[in-house]
N, C-alpha and C. Protein backbone atom coordinates (compact mmCIF):
# COMPACT_ATOMS: atom_id res chain seq x y z
N MET A 1 0.94 -8.03 18.41
CA MET A 1 2.05 -7.78 17.51
C MET A 1 1.64 -8.17 16.09
N ILE A 2 2.03 -7.35 15.14
CA ILE A 2 1.74 -7.69 13.76
C ILE A 2 3.04 -8.07 13.05
N ILE A 3 2.88 -8.96 12.08
CA ILE A 3 3.99 -9.45 11.29
C ILE A 3 3.60 -9.33 9.82
N HIS A 4 4.59 -9.47 8.95
CA HIS A 4 4.25 -9.44 7.51
C HIS A 4 4.85 -10.62 6.83
N ARG A 5 4.29 -10.93 5.70
CA ARG A 5 4.78 -12.02 4.85
C ARG A 5 4.54 -11.63 3.41
N LEU A 6 5.21 -12.31 2.52
CA LEU A 6 4.97 -12.06 1.09
C LEU A 6 3.59 -12.60 0.74
N ALA A 7 2.91 -11.89 -0.14
CA ALA A 7 1.63 -12.38 -0.65
C ALA A 7 1.86 -13.66 -1.44
N LYS A 8 0.83 -14.51 -1.45
CA LYS A 8 0.90 -15.77 -2.16
C LYS A 8 -0.39 -15.96 -2.96
N PRO A 9 -0.40 -16.87 -3.94
CA PRO A 9 -1.56 -17.02 -4.80
C PRO A 9 -2.89 -17.19 -4.06
N THR A 10 -2.88 -17.80 -2.90
CA THR A 10 -4.14 -18.02 -2.16
C THR A 10 -4.67 -16.74 -1.53
N ASP A 11 -3.91 -15.62 -1.60
CA ASP A 11 -4.39 -14.34 -1.07
C ASP A 11 -5.25 -13.56 -2.07
N VAL A 12 -5.50 -14.13 -3.23
CA VAL A 12 -6.21 -13.40 -4.30
C VAL A 12 -7.57 -12.89 -3.82
N ASP A 13 -8.34 -13.69 -3.11
CA ASP A 13 -9.67 -13.26 -2.65
C ASP A 13 -9.57 -12.22 -1.53
N LEU A 14 -8.56 -12.34 -0.68
CA LEU A 14 -8.35 -11.38 0.38
C LEU A 14 -8.04 -9.99 -0.22
N TYR A 15 -7.16 -9.95 -1.19
CA TYR A 15 -6.83 -8.68 -1.88
C TYR A 15 -8.07 -8.13 -2.59
N PHE A 16 -8.85 -9.01 -3.18
CA PHE A 16 -10.08 -8.59 -3.87
C PHE A 16 -11.04 -7.92 -2.90
N LYS A 17 -11.22 -8.52 -1.74
CA LYS A 17 -12.11 -7.97 -0.71
C LYS A 17 -11.61 -6.59 -0.29
N TRP A 18 -10.31 -6.50 -0.01
CA TRP A 18 -9.76 -5.19 0.40
C TRP A 18 -9.86 -4.16 -0.71
N ALA A 19 -9.61 -4.53 -1.94
CA ALA A 19 -9.64 -3.59 -3.06
C ALA A 19 -11.01 -3.02 -3.31
N ASN A 20 -12.06 -3.82 -3.10
CA ASN A 20 -13.43 -3.37 -3.41
C ASN A 20 -14.19 -2.87 -2.21
N GLU A 21 -13.57 -2.81 -1.07
CA GLU A 21 -14.24 -2.25 0.11
C GLU A 21 -14.54 -0.76 -0.13
N ASP A 22 -15.66 -0.32 0.32
CA ASP A 22 -16.14 1.05 0.01
C ASP A 22 -15.11 2.16 0.30
N GLN A 23 -14.52 2.16 1.49
CA GLN A 23 -13.57 3.22 1.84
C GLN A 23 -12.31 3.12 0.99
N ALA A 24 -11.89 1.90 0.70
CA ALA A 24 -10.70 1.72 -0.16
C ALA A 24 -10.97 2.31 -1.54
N ARG A 25 -12.14 2.06 -2.09
CA ARG A 25 -12.47 2.62 -3.40
C ARG A 25 -12.53 4.15 -3.31
N LYS A 26 -13.10 4.67 -2.23
CA LYS A 26 -13.21 6.12 -2.07
C LYS A 26 -11.84 6.78 -2.06
N ASN A 27 -10.85 6.12 -1.43
CA ASN A 27 -9.50 6.70 -1.32
C ASN A 27 -8.62 6.38 -2.53
N SER A 28 -9.14 5.59 -3.43
CA SER A 28 -8.38 5.21 -4.63
C SER A 28 -8.51 6.29 -5.70
N TYR A 29 -7.62 6.25 -6.67
CA TYR A 29 -7.70 7.15 -7.81
C TYR A 29 -8.67 6.64 -8.87
N SER A 30 -9.10 5.42 -8.73
CA SER A 30 -10.13 4.85 -9.59
C SER A 30 -11.20 4.29 -8.64
N GLN A 31 -12.32 5.00 -8.56
CA GLN A 31 -13.30 4.64 -7.53
C GLN A 31 -14.29 3.57 -7.98
N LYS A 32 -14.18 3.16 -9.21
CA LYS A 32 -15.07 2.11 -9.73
C LYS A 32 -14.73 0.77 -9.13
N LYS A 33 -15.75 -0.03 -8.81
CA LYS A 33 -15.53 -1.36 -8.28
C LYS A 33 -14.74 -2.18 -9.32
N ILE A 34 -13.94 -3.11 -8.83
CA ILE A 34 -13.06 -3.90 -9.69
C ILE A 34 -13.76 -5.23 -9.99
N ASP A 35 -13.72 -5.58 -11.27
CA ASP A 35 -14.28 -6.87 -11.73
C ASP A 35 -13.37 -7.99 -11.23
N TYR A 36 -13.96 -9.12 -10.81
CA TYR A 36 -13.17 -10.20 -10.23
C TYR A 36 -12.13 -10.75 -11.18
N GLN A 37 -12.49 -11.04 -12.40
CA GLN A 37 -11.53 -11.62 -13.35
C GLN A 37 -10.38 -10.65 -13.67
N THR A 38 -10.73 -9.38 -13.77
CA THR A 38 -9.68 -8.36 -13.95
C THR A 38 -8.73 -8.37 -12.76
N HIS A 39 -9.29 -8.47 -11.56
CA HIS A 39 -8.46 -8.53 -10.37
C HIS A 39 -7.56 -9.76 -10.36
N VAL A 40 -8.14 -10.92 -10.67
CA VAL A 40 -7.35 -12.15 -10.67
C VAL A 40 -6.20 -12.05 -11.65
N ASN A 41 -6.43 -11.52 -12.84
CA ASN A 41 -5.40 -11.34 -13.83
C ASN A 41 -4.28 -10.40 -13.30
N TRP A 42 -4.69 -9.26 -12.72
CA TRP A 42 -3.75 -8.32 -12.18
C TRP A 42 -2.96 -8.96 -11.03
N PHE A 43 -3.64 -9.61 -10.12
CA PHE A 43 -3.00 -10.19 -8.93
C PHE A 43 -1.96 -11.24 -9.35
N ASN A 44 -2.30 -12.12 -10.22
CA ASN A 44 -1.38 -13.18 -10.65
C ASN A 44 -0.18 -12.58 -11.38
N ALA A 45 -0.42 -11.58 -12.22
CA ALA A 45 0.70 -10.92 -12.91
C ALA A 45 1.60 -10.19 -11.92
N SER A 46 1.00 -9.54 -10.92
CA SER A 46 1.77 -8.82 -9.94
C SER A 46 2.66 -9.74 -9.10
N LEU A 47 2.13 -10.92 -8.77
CA LEU A 47 2.94 -11.88 -8.00
C LEU A 47 4.18 -12.31 -8.77
N LYS A 48 4.06 -12.38 -10.08
CA LYS A 48 5.19 -12.83 -10.91
C LYS A 48 6.11 -11.69 -11.33
N ASP A 49 5.67 -10.45 -11.16
CA ASP A 49 6.43 -9.29 -11.62
C ASP A 49 7.57 -8.97 -10.64
N GLU A 50 8.80 -8.98 -11.13
CA GLU A 50 9.93 -8.72 -10.27
C GLU A 50 9.96 -7.28 -9.77
N ASN A 51 9.17 -6.40 -10.36
CA ASN A 51 9.09 -5.01 -9.94
C ASN A 51 7.91 -4.73 -9.00
N SER A 52 7.27 -5.80 -8.57
CA SER A 52 6.14 -5.70 -7.65
C SER A 52 6.47 -6.45 -6.39
N LEU A 53 6.23 -5.85 -5.24
CA LEU A 53 6.43 -6.49 -3.95
C LEU A 53 5.14 -6.33 -3.18
N MET A 54 4.52 -7.44 -2.84
CA MET A 54 3.24 -7.40 -2.16
C MET A 54 3.36 -8.09 -0.79
N LEU A 55 3.03 -7.34 0.26
CA LEU A 55 3.14 -7.83 1.63
C LEU A 55 1.79 -7.89 2.29
N VAL A 56 1.50 -8.98 2.97
CA VAL A 56 0.29 -9.12 3.78
C VAL A 56 0.69 -8.96 5.24
N PHE A 57 -0.06 -8.16 5.97
CA PHE A 57 0.16 -7.98 7.39
C PHE A 57 -0.91 -8.69 8.18
N GLU A 58 -0.45 -9.37 9.23
CA GLU A 58 -1.38 -10.16 10.02
C GLU A 58 -0.95 -10.12 11.49
N TYR A 59 -1.91 -10.44 12.35
CA TYR A 59 -1.57 -10.68 13.75
C TYR A 59 -0.86 -12.03 13.80
N GLU A 60 -0.13 -12.27 14.87
CA GLU A 60 0.58 -13.55 15.01
C GLU A 60 -0.35 -14.75 14.91
N THR A 61 -1.63 -14.51 15.18
CA THR A 61 -2.62 -15.60 15.09
C THR A 61 -2.91 -15.98 13.64
N GLY A 62 -2.44 -15.16 12.70
CA GLY A 62 -2.70 -15.43 11.29
C GLY A 62 -3.88 -14.62 10.74
N MET A 63 -4.52 -13.80 11.56
CA MET A 63 -5.65 -12.97 11.10
C MET A 63 -5.10 -11.80 10.28
N ALA A 64 -5.46 -11.75 9.01
CA ALA A 64 -4.97 -10.74 8.09
C ALA A 64 -5.62 -9.39 8.41
N ILE A 65 -4.78 -8.31 8.44
CA ILE A 65 -5.30 -7.00 8.75
C ILE A 65 -5.11 -5.98 7.63
N GLY A 66 -4.24 -6.27 6.69
CA GLY A 66 -4.05 -5.31 5.59
C GLY A 66 -2.88 -5.71 4.72
N GLN A 67 -2.62 -4.83 3.78
CA GLN A 67 -1.56 -5.08 2.79
C GLN A 67 -0.84 -3.80 2.42
N ILE A 68 0.42 -3.98 2.06
CA ILE A 68 1.19 -2.89 1.47
C ILE A 68 1.86 -3.47 0.23
N ARG A 69 1.85 -2.69 -0.84
CA ARG A 69 2.54 -3.15 -2.03
C ARG A 69 3.40 -2.02 -2.59
N PHE A 70 4.48 -2.44 -3.20
CA PHE A 70 5.44 -1.53 -3.82
C PHE A 70 5.44 -1.85 -5.31
N GLU A 71 5.42 -0.81 -6.13
CA GLU A 71 5.56 -0.96 -7.59
C GLU A 71 6.75 -0.18 -8.02
N ARG A 72 7.80 -0.89 -8.46
CA ARG A 72 9.07 -0.28 -8.83
C ARG A 72 9.05 0.16 -10.29
N HIS A 73 9.53 1.33 -10.55
CA HIS A 73 9.74 1.87 -11.89
C HIS A 73 11.17 2.40 -11.91
N ASN A 74 12.10 1.55 -12.34
CA ASN A 74 13.53 1.83 -12.19
C ASN A 74 13.82 1.96 -10.71
N SER A 75 14.36 3.07 -10.26
CA SER A 75 14.63 3.20 -8.82
C SER A 75 13.62 4.14 -8.14
N ASP A 76 12.52 4.38 -8.83
CA ASP A 76 11.44 5.22 -8.32
C ASP A 76 10.25 4.28 -8.05
N THR A 77 9.83 4.21 -6.80
CA THR A 77 8.87 3.21 -6.37
C THR A 77 7.64 3.86 -5.76
N ILE A 78 6.48 3.29 -6.06
CA ILE A 78 5.21 3.77 -5.50
C ILE A 78 4.75 2.77 -4.44
N ILE A 79 4.36 3.29 -3.27
CA ILE A 79 3.84 2.45 -2.19
C ILE A 79 2.32 2.65 -2.09
N ARG A 80 1.62 1.58 -1.82
CA ARG A 80 0.17 1.64 -1.61
C ARG A 80 -0.15 0.79 -0.39
N ILE A 81 -1.14 1.25 0.37
CA ILE A 81 -1.54 0.54 1.58
C ILE A 81 -3.06 0.43 1.65
N SER A 82 -3.53 -0.66 2.20
CA SER A 82 -4.93 -0.74 2.59
C SER A 82 -5.04 -1.62 3.85
N ILE A 83 -5.93 -1.18 4.69
CA ILE A 83 -6.16 -1.88 5.96
C ILE A 83 -7.62 -2.34 5.98
N ASP A 84 -7.82 -3.56 6.38
CA ASP A 84 -9.16 -4.14 6.48
C ASP A 84 -10.04 -3.22 7.30
N LYS A 85 -11.27 -3.03 6.85
CA LYS A 85 -12.18 -2.08 7.52
C LYS A 85 -12.35 -2.41 9.02
N ASP A 86 -12.24 -3.67 9.38
CA ASP A 86 -12.42 -4.05 10.78
C ASP A 86 -11.21 -3.66 11.67
N PHE A 87 -10.11 -3.24 11.04
CA PHE A 87 -8.91 -2.93 11.80
C PHE A 87 -8.46 -1.48 11.67
N ARG A 88 -9.26 -0.66 11.00
CA ARG A 88 -8.92 0.76 10.86
C ARG A 88 -9.15 1.46 12.20
N GLY A 89 -8.41 2.57 12.39
CA GLY A 89 -8.57 3.35 13.61
C GLY A 89 -7.80 2.79 14.78
N ARG A 90 -6.98 1.76 14.54
CA ARG A 90 -6.20 1.15 15.63
C ARG A 90 -4.71 1.54 15.57
N LEU A 91 -4.41 2.55 14.75
CA LEU A 91 -3.05 3.06 14.62
C LEU A 91 -2.05 2.01 14.15
N LEU A 92 -2.51 1.13 13.26
CA LEU A 92 -1.66 0.07 12.71
C LEU A 92 -0.87 0.53 11.50
N ALA A 93 -1.32 1.55 10.80
CA ALA A 93 -0.70 1.97 9.55
C ALA A 93 0.75 2.34 9.73
N LYS A 94 1.07 3.09 10.77
CA LYS A 94 2.45 3.52 10.98
C LYS A 94 3.38 2.33 11.08
N GLN A 95 3.04 1.36 11.90
CA GLN A 95 3.90 0.18 12.04
C GLN A 95 3.99 -0.60 10.75
N MET A 96 2.87 -0.73 10.06
CA MET A 96 2.85 -1.45 8.78
C MET A 96 3.78 -0.77 7.77
N ILE A 97 3.65 0.55 7.65
CA ILE A 97 4.46 1.29 6.67
C ILE A 97 5.94 1.17 7.03
N MET A 98 6.26 1.38 8.29
CA MET A 98 7.66 1.32 8.71
C MET A 98 8.24 -0.07 8.49
N ASP A 99 7.51 -1.12 8.86
CA ASP A 99 8.01 -2.47 8.67
C ASP A 99 8.15 -2.80 7.17
N ALA A 100 7.17 -2.39 6.38
CA ALA A 100 7.21 -2.65 4.95
C ALA A 100 8.41 -1.94 4.31
N CYS A 101 8.64 -0.70 4.68
CA CYS A 101 9.76 0.06 4.12
C CYS A 101 11.07 -0.57 4.53
N GLU A 102 11.20 -0.97 5.79
CA GLU A 102 12.42 -1.62 6.22
C GLU A 102 12.70 -2.87 5.39
N TYR A 103 11.70 -3.67 5.17
CA TYR A 103 11.86 -4.87 4.34
C TYR A 103 12.21 -4.48 2.90
N PHE A 104 11.46 -3.52 2.35
CA PHE A 104 11.68 -3.10 0.98
C PHE A 104 13.12 -2.59 0.79
N PHE A 105 13.59 -1.72 1.70
CA PHE A 105 14.93 -1.16 1.56
C PHE A 105 16.02 -2.20 1.77
N SER A 106 15.70 -3.29 2.46
CA SER A 106 16.69 -4.37 2.57
C SER A 106 16.88 -5.04 1.22
N GLN A 107 15.87 -4.97 0.37
CA GLN A 107 15.94 -5.54 -0.99
C GLN A 107 16.44 -4.53 -2.02
N PHE A 108 16.02 -3.28 -1.86
CA PHE A 108 16.28 -2.23 -2.87
C PHE A 108 16.75 -0.96 -2.15
N PRO A 109 17.97 -0.94 -1.61
CA PRO A 109 18.43 0.19 -0.76
C PRO A 109 18.55 1.52 -1.49
N GLY A 110 18.66 1.55 -2.79
CA GLY A 110 18.85 2.82 -3.47
C GLY A 110 17.59 3.49 -3.94
N ASP A 111 16.44 2.87 -3.74
CA ASP A 111 15.19 3.39 -4.28
C ASP A 111 14.67 4.59 -3.49
N LEU A 112 13.93 5.39 -4.19
CA LEU A 112 13.11 6.46 -3.60
C LEU A 112 11.66 5.96 -3.62
N VAL A 113 11.00 5.98 -2.49
CA VAL A 113 9.62 5.49 -2.40
C VAL A 113 8.68 6.69 -2.30
N ARG A 114 7.64 6.68 -3.13
CA ARG A 114 6.67 7.76 -3.17
C ARG A 114 5.29 7.24 -2.78
N ALA A 115 4.60 8.04 -1.99
CA ALA A 115 3.19 7.79 -1.67
C ALA A 115 2.37 8.90 -2.29
N TYR A 116 1.41 8.55 -3.11
CA TYR A 116 0.46 9.53 -3.69
C TYR A 116 -0.82 9.41 -2.88
N ILE A 117 -1.22 10.54 -2.28
CA ILE A 117 -2.36 10.52 -1.35
C ILE A 117 -3.36 11.61 -1.72
N ARG A 118 -4.61 11.20 -1.87
CA ARG A 118 -5.66 12.21 -2.11
C ARG A 118 -5.65 13.20 -0.95
N LYS A 119 -5.81 14.50 -1.28
CA LYS A 119 -5.74 15.54 -0.27
C LYS A 119 -6.71 15.33 0.89
N GLU A 120 -7.88 14.81 0.61
CA GLU A 120 -8.88 14.64 1.69
C GLU A 120 -8.60 13.43 2.57
N ASN A 121 -7.63 12.61 2.21
CA ASN A 121 -7.36 11.40 2.98
C ASN A 121 -6.32 11.72 4.06
N MET A 122 -6.75 12.46 5.07
CA MET A 122 -5.84 12.93 6.10
C MET A 122 -5.33 11.79 6.97
N ALA A 123 -6.05 10.71 7.11
CA ALA A 123 -5.57 9.58 7.91
C ALA A 123 -4.30 9.01 7.26
N SER A 124 -4.29 8.91 5.95
CA SER A 124 -3.08 8.42 5.24
C SER A 124 -1.95 9.44 5.31
N VAL A 125 -2.29 10.71 5.21
CA VAL A 125 -1.23 11.73 5.32
C VAL A 125 -0.55 11.59 6.66
N ARG A 126 -1.33 11.51 7.73
CA ARG A 126 -0.74 11.38 9.08
C ARG A 126 0.07 10.10 9.21
N ALA A 127 -0.44 9.00 8.69
CA ALA A 127 0.26 7.71 8.80
C ALA A 127 1.61 7.77 8.11
N PHE A 128 1.67 8.36 6.90
CA PHE A 128 2.94 8.43 6.18
C PHE A 128 3.88 9.44 6.85
N GLU A 129 3.37 10.57 7.34
CA GLU A 129 4.22 11.51 8.05
C GLU A 129 4.83 10.87 9.28
N HIS A 130 4.01 10.16 10.05
CA HIS A 130 4.49 9.54 11.29
C HIS A 130 5.42 8.34 11.02
N SER A 131 5.47 7.90 9.76
CA SER A 131 6.32 6.77 9.38
C SER A 131 7.63 7.24 8.79
N GLY A 132 7.89 8.54 8.81
CA GLY A 132 9.17 9.06 8.34
C GLY A 132 9.16 9.61 6.93
N PHE A 133 8.01 9.58 6.25
CA PHE A 133 7.91 10.16 4.92
C PHE A 133 7.89 11.67 5.03
N THR A 134 8.43 12.35 4.01
CA THR A 134 8.43 13.80 4.01
C THR A 134 7.64 14.31 2.82
N PHE A 135 6.99 15.42 3.05
CA PHE A 135 6.20 16.04 1.99
C PHE A 135 7.10 16.46 0.83
N GLU A 136 6.74 16.08 -0.38
CA GLU A 136 7.52 16.49 -1.55
C GLU A 136 6.81 17.61 -2.31
N LYS A 137 5.52 17.40 -2.62
CA LYS A 137 4.82 18.40 -3.42
C LYS A 137 3.32 18.11 -3.44
N GLU A 138 2.59 19.10 -3.92
CA GLU A 138 1.20 18.89 -4.28
C GLU A 138 1.16 18.63 -5.76
N THR A 139 0.22 17.80 -6.18
CA THR A 139 0.08 17.45 -7.58
C THR A 139 -1.37 17.11 -7.86
N THR A 140 -1.63 16.77 -9.10
CA THR A 140 -2.96 16.30 -9.47
C THR A 140 -2.80 14.93 -10.15
N VAL A 141 -3.59 13.97 -9.69
CA VAL A 141 -3.58 12.62 -10.26
C VAL A 141 -5.01 12.33 -10.72
N ASN A 142 -5.16 12.06 -12.02
CA ASN A 142 -6.51 11.83 -12.56
C ASN A 142 -7.46 12.96 -12.20
N GLU A 143 -6.98 14.18 -12.25
CA GLU A 143 -7.74 15.39 -11.95
C GLU A 143 -8.12 15.49 -10.45
N ILE A 144 -7.43 14.73 -9.59
CA ILE A 144 -7.72 14.73 -8.15
C ILE A 144 -6.55 15.39 -7.41
N PRO A 145 -6.83 16.48 -6.68
CA PRO A 145 -5.76 17.12 -5.89
C PRO A 145 -5.14 16.13 -4.93
N SER A 146 -3.80 16.09 -4.94
CA SER A 146 -3.09 15.09 -4.16
C SER A 146 -1.81 15.64 -3.56
N PHE A 147 -1.33 14.88 -2.59
CA PHE A 147 0.01 15.15 -2.00
C PHE A 147 0.92 14.02 -2.41
N VAL A 148 2.22 14.33 -2.49
CA VAL A 148 3.23 13.30 -2.72
C VAL A 148 4.19 13.37 -1.54
N TYR A 149 4.38 12.21 -0.92
CA TYR A 149 5.32 12.06 0.20
C TYR A 149 6.39 11.07 -0.23
N THR A 150 7.65 11.28 0.26
CA THR A 150 8.73 10.37 -0.15
C THR A 150 9.56 9.94 1.06
N ILE A 151 10.28 8.85 0.84
CA ILE A 151 11.26 8.36 1.80
C ILE A 151 12.34 7.62 1.04
N THR A 152 13.56 7.70 1.56
CA THR A 152 14.67 6.91 1.05
C THR A 152 15.30 6.21 2.26
N LYS A 153 16.15 5.26 1.99
CA LYS A 153 16.83 4.56 3.09
C LYS A 153 17.73 5.55 3.79
N SER A 154 17.56 5.64 5.10
CA SER A 154 18.39 6.61 5.86
C SER A 154 19.58 5.95 6.51
């Protein structure tokens, strides 16, 4: 069983590891490796930002398996997910996304949540579709063909 908790300052290195992992960079809209100090500054600011919600997912044993974060812009919110490379392919994303959205909507029930996904990232497309997100449109982000999926509290 997996559970989630709010990210805390001691998670900075865990997030750094996940952010710079090769597949995570490949699926990102900025594929360049992230500098550690830049990451620390971003992470600490995000923890304090009332428009940022960062969740760590772990097994009950405390072993971290991934993260989901929400970035609110008024009532329009962007969701991002990453799963530790050692835990990919275990069909955890659906449960993580559903649990994260349930928690998020308990805090912000009127928001629309959007997932921007690179077209070639079919694993993420399937995970968001299976989590109740619906296709909104095709778009381009940083000159990269992408899909946009959305969900609201039902």
